[in-house]
């Protein structure tokens, strides 16, 4: 959500930010509605004041035996006009809020400009992309060869974009989730949360999924939304709350199933596990002081990178351009892992600094010591990591010529000492 006062103070800057996003200017439209609303608010206050004044005069005239009929007629007319002006104020407020809620966050000044993913900028690489002296298979071929990855069985149960994992491969996915969760909690200071998987409208609105992206979510017949990521419940734990600045940053993590309709993904990644309706992910959320959110963003990204480093998986970090950023983000770092079966890097984590954009929607604030008022916190979120995609990366990078898969050493304690699958 955008700050109306900041748009009043700097409409050109607001429109410039939208232009960088590839969007048309909106400041003039918003400020015209704002002027009408403030006029209605002034009229409402003036009408109320006149009604109160006239009512007093009526009492004084009646007390003195005078004729108050003219004033009584005026008050009656005022009582008829006031609700209409009050309703105009309310309706304009709703219209302004609706427009502000539909406009994405403005990019940070240092975000590179671009219209799509071709404008993204690589920041760094880690590790050497794996090569083999035999033809590398992709994960779905490896899964089919082992009989431990069943897409046909999943389709019979649920349709496309689902998978059934079996035996040691299912255990390997569970091991990855536990390893990530242990790393983020025991070494990186995140507090583990076990949140609800269904949320109300207000929670989906708070993080920016509603009202614009409802088609990307699954909705139950009770009116709840299945979470597309644990970012939604974790961030909304601070909704309508005021914390002390000494409590910041708050760092939370959760391992949950995630559910996405993939409404705009027709024809994309139709084979394999890359793009599923249901998947597991370890999510990281930070609630930060505004002065420190850029540092917290870098720290969160490093926490996600640490997972890949421990697993010995080559990756690169890119900063998304203005045309490829998510709705709520002001700056996003994507981490892309090397997949030998595809001979390319694929996204495995996005770490975003949302500034105060989500906090305004949720009314999440903090009180600084020695200050009378409150300020909005900054919210950040990132994958630490997407478990299914990490499973894919492990399968493809640790495959052997005979189709078996070596278990990375760091995961063996979670696998009962098992060294290979297949």
Protein backbone atom coordinates (compact mmCIF):
# COMPACT_ATOMS: atom_id res chain seq x y z
CA UNK A 1 0.00 0.00 0.00
CA UNK A 2 1.25 3.46 -0.85
CA UNK A 3 1.32 6.49 1.43
CA UNK A 4 -1.15 9.09 0.18
CA UNK A 5 0.74 11.88 1.90
CA UNK A 6 3.94 11.00 0.03
CA UNK A 7 2.02 11.11 -3.26
CA UNK A 8 0.72 14.58 -2.35
CA UNK A 9 4.24 15.71 -1.45
CA UNK A 10 5.96 14.25 -4.52
CA UNK A 11 3.55 13.24 -7.30
CA UNK A 12 6.27 13.42 -9.96
CA UNK A 13 8.44 11.01 -7.98
CA UNK A 14 5.52 8.59 -7.60
CA UNK A 15 4.83 8.61 -11.34
CA UNK A 16 8.53 8.22 -12.08
CA UNK A 17 8.58 5.06 -9.96
CA UNK A 18 5.57 3.70 -11.82
CA UNK A 19 7.23 4.49 -15.14
CA UNK A 20 10.24 2.41 -14.10
CA UNK A 21 7.78 -0.43 -13.51
CA UNK A 22 6.44 0.07 -17.04
CA UNK A 23 3.16 1.52 -15.76
CA UNK A 24 1.20 4.63 -16.64
CA UNK A 25 1.16 7.66 -14.29
CA UNK A 26 -1.56 7.62 -11.61
CA UNK A 27 -0.74 10.55 -9.32
CA UNK A 28 -3.08 13.07 -11.02
CA UNK A 29 -6.01 10.65 -10.86
CA UNK A 30 -5.37 9.84 -7.19
CA UNK A 31 -4.87 13.47 -6.19
CA UNK A 32 -8.05 14.56 -8.01
CA UNK A 33 -10.03 12.03 -5.97
CA UNK A 34 -8.17 13.12 -2.85
CA UNK A 35 -9.11 16.77 -3.49
CA UNK A 36 -12.76 15.82 -3.89
CA UNK A 37 -12.66 13.81 -0.69
CA UNK A 38 -11.01 16.57 1.31
CA UNK A 39 -13.63 18.99 -0.02
CA UNK A 40 -16.35 16.59 1.13
CA UNK A 41 -14.68 16.23 4.53
CA UNK A 42 -14.52 20.02 4.91
CA UNK A 43 -18.16 20.35 3.88
CA UNK A 44 -19.16 17.65 6.37
CA UNK A 45 -17.33 19.41 9.20
CA UNK A 46 -18.85 22.77 8.28
CA UNK A 47 -22.37 21.32 8.08
CA UNK A 48 -21.98 19.62 11.45
CA UNK A 49 -20.65 22.82 13.01
CA UNK A 50 -23.54 24.85 11.57
CA UNK A 51 -26.07 22.27 12.78
CA UNK A 52 -24.62 22.37 16.30
CA UNK A 53 -24.58 26.18 16.28
CA UNK A 54 -28.15 26.43 14.99
CA UNK A 55 -29.34 23.90 17.58
CA UNK A 56 -27.91 26.08 20.34
CA UNK A 57 -29.58 29.15 18.87
CA UNK A 58 -32.91 27.31 18.78
CA UNK A 59 -32.59 26.52 22.45
CA UNK A 60 -31.77 30.12 23.29
CA UNK A 61 -34.69 31.47 21.22
CA UNK A 62 -37.17 29.05 22.78
CA UNK A 63 -35.91 29.91 26.22
CA UNK A 64 -36.50 33.60 25.52
CA UNK A 65 -39.89 32.98 23.94
CA UNK A 66 -38.75 33.84 20.40
CA UNK A 67 -39.70 32.25 17.07
CA UNK A 68 -37.21 29.44 16.19
CA UNK A 69 -39.12 27.99 13.24
CA UNK A 70 -36.68 29.27 10.58
CA UNK A 71 -33.72 27.80 12.42
CA UNK A 72 -35.58 24.55 12.94
CA UNK A 73 -36.20 24.33 9.20
CA UNK A 74 -32.51 24.98 8.58
CA UNK A 75 -31.45 22.22 11.00
CA UNK A 76 -33.88 19.81 9.35
CA UNK A 77 -32.32 20.61 5.98
CA UNK A 78 -28.83 20.14 7.39
CA UNK A 79 -29.78 16.73 8.79
CA UNK A 80 -30.83 15.69 5.30
CA UNK A 81 -27.64 16.98 3.63
CA UNK A 82 -25.10 15.65 6.14
CA UNK A 83 -25.59 11.89 5.38
CA UNK A 84 -25.12 12.50 1.65
CA UNK A 85 -21.86 14.39 2.20
CA UNK A 86 -20.72 11.74 4.69
CA UNK A 87 -21.46 8.99 2.15
CA UNK A 88 -19.53 10.90 -0.54
CA UNK A 89 -16.52 11.07 1.80
CA UNK A 90 -16.79 7.34 2.52
CA UNK A 91 -17.20 6.34 -1.15
CA UNK A 92 -14.25 8.45 -2.28
CA UNK A 93 -12.13 6.98 0.52
CA UNK A 94 -12.99 3.45 -0.63
CA UNK A 95 -12.16 4.35 -4.25
CA UNK A 96 -8.80 5.84 -3.30
CA UNK A 97 -7.93 2.84 -1.11
CA UNK A 98 -8.91 0.47 -3.92
CA UNK A 99 -6.62 2.24 -6.39
CA UNK A 100 -3.72 2.38 -3.94
CA UNK A 101 -4.17 -1.33 -3.15
CA UNK A 102 -3.92 -2.25 -6.84
CA UNK A 103 -0.64 -0.43 -7.54
CA UNK A 104 2.61 -2.41 -7.02
CA UNK A 105 5.45 -1.28 -4.82
CA UNK A 106 7.89 1.24 -6.29
CA UNK A 107 11.40 -0.08 -7.04
CA UNK A 108 14.38 0.98 -4.98
CA UNK A 109 16.66 3.50 -6.66
CA UNK A 110 19.42 0.95 -7.28
CA UNK A 111 17.19 -1.63 -8.99
CA UNK A 112 18.22 -2.02 -12.66
CA UNK A 113 15.66 -1.00 -15.26
CA UNK A 114 14.26 -3.51 -17.72
CA UNK A 115 10.98 -4.68 -19.18
CA UNK A 116 11.35 -8.41 -18.43
CA UNK A 117 13.80 -11.04 -17.16
CA UNK A 118 16.28 -10.13 -19.88
CA UNK A 119 17.02 -6.99 -17.84
CA UNK A 120 18.07 -8.90 -14.73
CA UNK A 121 21.70 -8.46 -13.67
CA UNK A 122 23.97 -11.22 -12.40
CA UNK A 123 25.80 -10.22 -9.21
CA UNK A 124 27.94 -13.26 -8.45
CA UNK A 125 28.45 -16.99 -8.98
CA UNK A 126 29.43 -19.68 -6.50
CA UNK A 127 30.88 -23.08 -7.37
CA UNK A 128 31.59 -24.69 -10.72
CA UNK A 129 28.66 -26.00 -12.78
CA UNK A 130 28.75 -29.80 -12.67
CA UNK A 131 29.61 -31.79 -15.78
CA UNK A 132 29.78 -35.55 -16.27
CA UNK A 133 31.60 -38.01 -18.52
CA UNK A 134 28.23 -39.55 -19.38
CA UNK A 135 24.98 -38.01 -20.68
CA UNK A 136 23.34 -36.19 -17.79
CA UNK A 137 19.67 -37.00 -17.20
CA UNK A 138 17.12 -34.54 -15.90
CA UNK A 139 15.29 -35.27 -12.66
CA UNK A 140 12.11 -36.75 -14.13
CA UNK A 141 14.14 -39.23 -16.21
CA UNK A 142 16.13 -40.16 -13.11
CA UNK A 143 12.91 -40.51 -11.12
CA UNK A 144 11.31 -42.69 -13.77
CA UNK A 145 14.45 -44.85 -14.03
CA UNK A 146 14.42 -45.51 -10.29
CA UNK A 147 10.64 -45.95 -10.08
CA UNK A 148 10.56 -43.56 -7.11
CA UNK A 149 8.91 -40.58 -8.84
CA UNK A 150 5.38 -41.22 -10.11
CA UNK A 151 3.60 -38.55 -12.15
CA UNK A 152 0.99 -40.90 -13.62
CA UNK A 153 -0.15 -42.02 -10.18
CA UNK A 154 -0.37 -38.41 -9.05
CA UNK A 155 -2.37 -37.47 -12.16
CA UNK A 156 -4.83 -40.27 -11.41
CA UNK A 157 -5.31 -38.83 -7.91
CA UNK A 158 -5.16 -35.09 -8.55
CA UNK A 159 -4.52 -34.20 -12.19
CA UNK A 160 -1.56 -32.43 -13.76
CA UNK A 161 1.25 -30.71 -11.84
CA UNK A 162 1.34 -33.16 -8.95
CA UNK A 163 3.82 -35.92 -8.11
CA UNK A 164 4.07 -38.96 -5.85
CA UNK A 165 7.52 -39.57 -4.34
CA UNK A 166 8.29 -43.01 -2.96
CA UNK A 167 10.67 -44.70 -0.57
CA UNK A 168 14.16 -43.21 -0.22
CA UNK A 169 13.35 -40.34 -2.61
CA UNK A 170 10.46 -39.25 -0.37
CA UNK A 171 12.83 -39.54 2.58
CA UNK A 172 15.45 -37.45 0.75
CA UNK A 173 12.91 -34.65 0.28
CA UNK A 174 12.01 -34.83 3.98
CA UNK A 175 15.72 -34.79 4.87
CA UNK A 176 16.26 -31.66 2.79
CA UNK A 177 13.44 -29.83 4.57
CA UNK A 178 14.74 -30.82 8.00
CA UNK A 179 18.30 -29.85 7.10
CA UNK A 180 17.19 -26.41 5.86
CA UNK A 181 15.03 -25.80 8.92
CA UNK A 182 17.84 -26.80 11.28
CA UNK A 183 20.31 -24.55 9.47
CA UNK A 184 18.03 -21.50 9.57
CA UNK A 185 17.02 -21.97 13.21
CA UNK A 186 20.17 -23.33 14.89
CA UNK A 187 22.79 -21.31 12.98
CA UNK A 188 21.04 -18.28 11.52
CA UNK A 189 18.80 -17.29 14.40
CA UNK A 190 15.36 -17.72 12.85
CA UNK A 191 12.51 -18.79 15.13
CA UNK A 192 10.63 -21.83 13.88
CA UNK A 193 6.88 -21.30 13.42
CA UNK A 194 4.22 -23.88 12.58
CA UNK A 195 1.53 -21.68 11.00
CA UNK A 196 -1.97 -22.38 9.64
CA UNK A 197 -2.07 -23.41 5.99
CA UNK A 198 -5.37 -21.59 5.40
CA UNK A 199 -5.81 -17.84 5.87
CA UNK A 200 -8.57 -15.25 5.70
CA UNK A 201 -8.94 -12.46 3.14
CA UNK A 202 -7.22 -9.91 5.38
CA UNK A 203 -4.02 -11.97 5.58
CA UNK A 204 -3.86 -12.48 1.80
CA UNK A 205 -4.49 -8.75 1.34
CA UNK A 206 -1.78 -7.84 3.85
CA UNK A 207 1.03 -9.45 1.86
CA UNK A 208 -0.34 -8.35 -1.53
CA UNK A 209 -1.94 -11.51 -2.92
CA UNK A 210 -5.38 -9.88 -2.83
CA UNK A 211 -7.20 -8.29 -4.49
CA UNK A 212 -5.17 -8.49 -7.69
CA UNK A 213 -3.87 -12.07 -7.69
CA UNK A 214 -6.75 -14.14 -6.37
CA UNK A 215 -6.64 -16.34 -9.47
CA UNK A 216 -3.17 -17.51 -8.46
CA UNK A 217 -4.52 -18.97 -5.21
CA UNK A 218 -6.75 -21.88 -4.22
CA UNK A 219 -9.87 -20.96 -2.22
CA UNK A 220 -11.81 -23.32 0.03
CA UNK A 221 -15.60 -23.48 0.31
CA UNK A 222 -15.25 -21.91 3.77
CA UNK A 223 -13.79 -18.72 2.26
CA UNK A 224 -10.22 -19.47 3.37
CA UNK A 225 -7.24 -19.30 1.02
CA UNK A 226 -4.60 -22.05 0.89
CA UNK A 227 -1.25 -20.37 1.45
CA UNK A 228 0.95 -19.93 -1.66
CA UNK A 229 3.92 -19.53 0.70
CA UNK A 230 4.44 -19.31 4.46
CA UNK A 231 5.29 -15.64 3.91
CA UNK A 232 1.55 -14.97 4.20
CA UNK A 233 0.89 -16.28 7.73
CA UNK A 234 4.35 -15.42 9.10
CA UNK A 235 4.29 -11.78 8.00
CA UNK A 236 0.68 -11.32 9.12
CA UNK A 237 1.54 -12.33 12.67
CA UNK A 238 2.51 -8.65 12.98
CA UNK A 239 -0.75 -7.34 11.50
CA UNK A 240 -2.31 -4.60 13.67
CA UNK A 241 0.58 -4.96 16.14
CA UNK A 242 2.96 -2.37 17.60
CA UNK A 243 6.36 -3.68 18.71
CA UNK A 244 9.22 -1.91 20.46
CA UNK A 245 12.19 -1.05 18.25
CA UNK A 246 14.48 -3.03 20.58
CA UNK A 247 12.59 -6.19 19.52
CA UNK A 248 13.66 -5.76 15.88
CA UNK A 249 14.62 -7.57 13.79
CA UNK A 250 12.15 -10.41 14.24
CA UNK A 251 13.20 -13.45 12.22
CA UNK A 252 10.83 -16.35 11.58
CA UNK A 253 10.97 -19.49 9.47
CA UNK A 254 8.59 -22.30 8.61
CA UNK A 255 8.58 -25.52 6.62
CA UNK A 256 5.15 -25.86 5.03
CA UNK A 257 3.32 -27.20 2.03
CA UNK A 258 2.51 -24.41 -0.44
CA UNK A 259 -0.35 -24.30 -2.93
CA UNK A 260 -0.43 -22.36 -6.20
CA UNK A 261 -2.86 -22.49 -9.09
CA UNK A 262 -0.14 -21.53 -11.60
CA UNK A 263 -2.85 -19.66 -13.49
CA UNK A 264 -0.38 -17.95 -15.82
CA UNK A 265 1.89 -20.95 -16.35
CA UNK A 266 0.08 -22.77 -19.15
CA UNK A 267 2.68 -24.58 -21.26
CA UNK A 268 5.55 -23.74 -18.88
CA UNK A 269 7.54 -26.56 -17.24
CA UNK A 270 4.82 -29.11 -17.87
CA UNK A 271 7.27 -32.00 -17.33
CA UNK A 272 8.76 -32.84 -13.98
CA UNK A 273 8.63 -31.13 -10.60
CA UNK A 274 9.75 -27.61 -11.47
CA UNK A 275 6.28 -26.05 -11.37
CA UNK A 276 3.75 -27.84 -9.15
CA UNK A 277 0.38 -27.01 -7.62
CA UNK A 278 1.63 -28.37 -4.28
CA UNK A 279 5.20 -28.24 -2.98
CA UNK A 280 7.19 -27.82 0.21
CA UNK A 281 9.27 -24.78 1.03
CA UNK A 282 11.26 -23.40 3.93
CA UNK A 283 10.32 -19.72 4.14
CA UNK A 284 12.22 -16.97 5.95
CA UNK A 285 10.53 -13.74 7.07
CA UNK A 286 12.17 -10.75 8.73
CA UNK A 287 10.46 -7.79 10.36
CA UNK A 288 13.04 -5.03 10.35
CA UNK A 289 13.71 -1.46 11.42
CA UNK A 290 13.53 0.73 8.26
CA UNK A 291 17.12 1.89 8.74
CA UNK A 292 18.43 -1.68 8.67
CA UNK A 293 16.29 -3.46 6.09
CA UNK A 294 18.89 -3.28 3.30
CA UNK A 295 21.44 -5.03 5.53
CA UNK A 296 18.79 -7.54 6.59
CA UNK A 297 18.07 -8.21 2.91
CA UNK A 298 21.70 -9.08 2.24
CA UNK A 299 21.83 -11.23 5.37
CA UNK A 300 18.68 -13.16 4.39
CA UNK A 301 20.08 -13.83 0.92
CA UNK A 302 23.30 -15.15 2.46
CA UNK A 303 21.24 -17.48 4.70
CA UNK A 304 19.57 -18.94 1.61
CA UNK A 305 22.91 -19.24 -0.20
CA UNK A 306 24.35 -21.17 2.76
CA UNK A 307 21.99 -24.07 2.05
CA UNK A 308 23.37 -24.50 -1.46
CA UNK A 309 26.95 -24.09 -0.28
CA UNK A 310 26.53 -26.87 2.32
CA UNK A 311 25.04 -29.09 -0.37
CA UNK A 312 27.88 -28.27 -2.78
CA UNK A 313 25.52 -27.00 -5.49
CA UNK A 314 26.74 -24.34 -7.93
CA UNK A 315 24.52 -21.26 -8.17
CA UNK A 316 24.37 -17.63 -9.14
CA UNK A 317 22.69 -14.59 -7.58
CA UNK A 318 20.90 -12.04 -9.75
CA UNK A 319 19.08 -8.83 -8.95
CA UNK A 320 15.71 -8.57 -10.65
CA UNK A 321 15.04 -5.60 -12.89
CA UNK A 322 12.05 -3.28 -12.54
CA UNK A 323 9.96 -5.26 -15.04
CA UNK A 324 10.49 -8.66 -13.40
CA UNK A 325 9.90 -7.84 -9.73
CA UNK A 326 7.00 -9.15 -7.69
CA UNK A 327 4.02 -6.97 -6.78
CA UNK A 328 5.05 -6.23 -3.17
CA UNK A 329 8.81 -6.04 -3.65
CA UNK A 330 10.99 -2.95 -3.81
CA UNK A 331 14.10 -5.05 -4.49
CA UNK A 332 14.57 -8.78 -5.10
CA UNK A 333 17.58 -11.07 -5.29
CA UNK A 334 16.97 -14.38 -7.06
CA UNK A 335 19.21 -17.39 -6.47
CA UNK A 336 19.46 -19.78 -9.40
CA UNK A 337 20.94 -23.27 -9.00
CA UNK A 338 22.76 -25.15 -11.76
CA UNK A 339 20.80 -28.12 -13.16
CA UNK A 340 23.03 -30.39 -15.30
CA UNK A 341 20.01 -32.20 -16.77
CA UNK A 342 18.80 -28.92 -18.26
CA UNK A 343 22.30 -27.42 -18.66
CA UNK A 344 21.06 -24.14 -17.23
CA UNK A 345 20.50 -22.19 -14.03
CA UNK A 346 16.97 -22.28 -12.57
CA UNK A 347 15.44 -20.20 -9.78
CA UNK A 348 15.46 -21.85 -6.38
CA UNK A 349 14.95 -18.83 -4.10
CA UNK A 350 13.71 -15.24 -4.21
CA UNK A 351 14.63 -12.89 -1.37
CA UNK A 352 12.69 -9.62 -1.35
CA UNK A 353 12.73 -6.41 0.63
CA UNK A 354 9.18 -5.02 0.60
CA UNK A 355 9.98 -1.85 2.56
CA UNK A 356 6.87 -0.59 4.36
CA UNK A 357 4.54 -1.63 1.50
CA UNK A 358 3.10 -4.69 3.25
CA UNK A 359 3.30 -3.09 6.69
CA UNK A 360 0.95 -0.29 5.59
CA UNK A 361 -1.56 -2.86 4.34
CA UNK A 362 -1.31 -4.77 7.63
CA UNK A 363 -0.84 -1.76 9.94
CA UNK A 364 2.32 -3.33 11.37
CA UNK A 365 4.23 -0.71 13.32
CA UNK A 366 7.00 -0.16 15.85
CA UNK A 367 7.58 2.45 18.51
CA UNK A 368 11.04 3.92 18.82
CA UNK A 369 12.37 4.74 22.26
CA UNK A 370 11.93 8.42 23.03
CA UNK A 371 9.47 9.02 20.17
CA UNK A 372 5.77 9.73 20.73
CA UNK A 373 4.34 8.25 17.55
CA UNK A 374 4.81 4.97 15.72
CA UNK A 375 6.38 4.08 12.38
CA UNK A 376 5.80 1.28 9.92
CA UNK A 377 8.22 -1.65 10.02
CA UNK A 378 9.89 -3.04 6.92
CA UNK A 379 9.08 -6.63 5.90
CA UNK A 380 11.31 -9.06 4.05
CA UNK A 381 10.77 -12.61 2.82
CA UNK A 382 12.80 -15.28 1.09
CA UNK A 383 12.94 -18.99 0.34
CA UNK A 384 15.48 -20.88 2.34
CA UNK A 385 14.89 -22.94 0.10
CA UNK A 386 12.17 -24.38 -2.14
CA UNK A 387 12.47 -28.04 -1.07
CA UNK A 388 11.21 -29.69 -4.25
CA UNK A 389 13.51 -27.68 -6.49
CA UNK A 390 16.42 -28.46 -4.17
CA UNK A 391 15.56 -32.15 -4.48
CA UNK A 392 15.71 -31.72 -8.26
CA UNK A 393 19.13 -30.04 -7.97
CA UNK A 394 20.49 -32.81 -5.73
CA UNK A 395 19.22 -35.53 -8.07
CA UNK A 396 20.73 -33.95 -11.17
CA UNK A 397 24.04 -32.87 -9.62
CA UNK A 398 24.66 -36.09 -7.66
CA UNK A 399 23.57 -38.58 -10.35
CA UNK A 400 25.79 -41.48 -11.32
CA UNK A 401 26.22 -43.23 -14.66
CA UNK A 402 24.11 -46.19 -13.50
CA UNK A 403 21.19 -43.88 -12.63
CA UNK A 404 21.70 -44.00 -8.88
CA UNK A 405 21.94 -40.80 -6.85
CA UNK A 406 24.62 -40.09 -4.27
CA UNK A 407 23.32 -38.64 -1.01
CA UNK A 408 25.21 -35.42 -0.16
CA UNK A 409 27.29 -35.94 2.96
CA UNK A 410 25.51 -33.20 4.91
CA UNK A 411 22.18 -35.04 4.44
CA UNK A 412 23.34 -38.52 5.47
CA UNK A 413 22.61 -38.02 9.19
CA UNK A 414 19.00 -37.30 8.17
CA UNK A 415 18.96 -40.43 5.98
CA UNK A 416 20.14 -42.94 8.56
CA UNK A 417 23.62 -42.98 7.05
CA UNK A 418 22.39 -43.91 3.56
CA UNK A 419 25.03 -42.99 0.98
CA UNK A 420 23.14 -43.53 -2.28
CA UNK A 421 19.65 -44.03 -3.70
CA UNK A 422 18.94 -46.52 -6.48
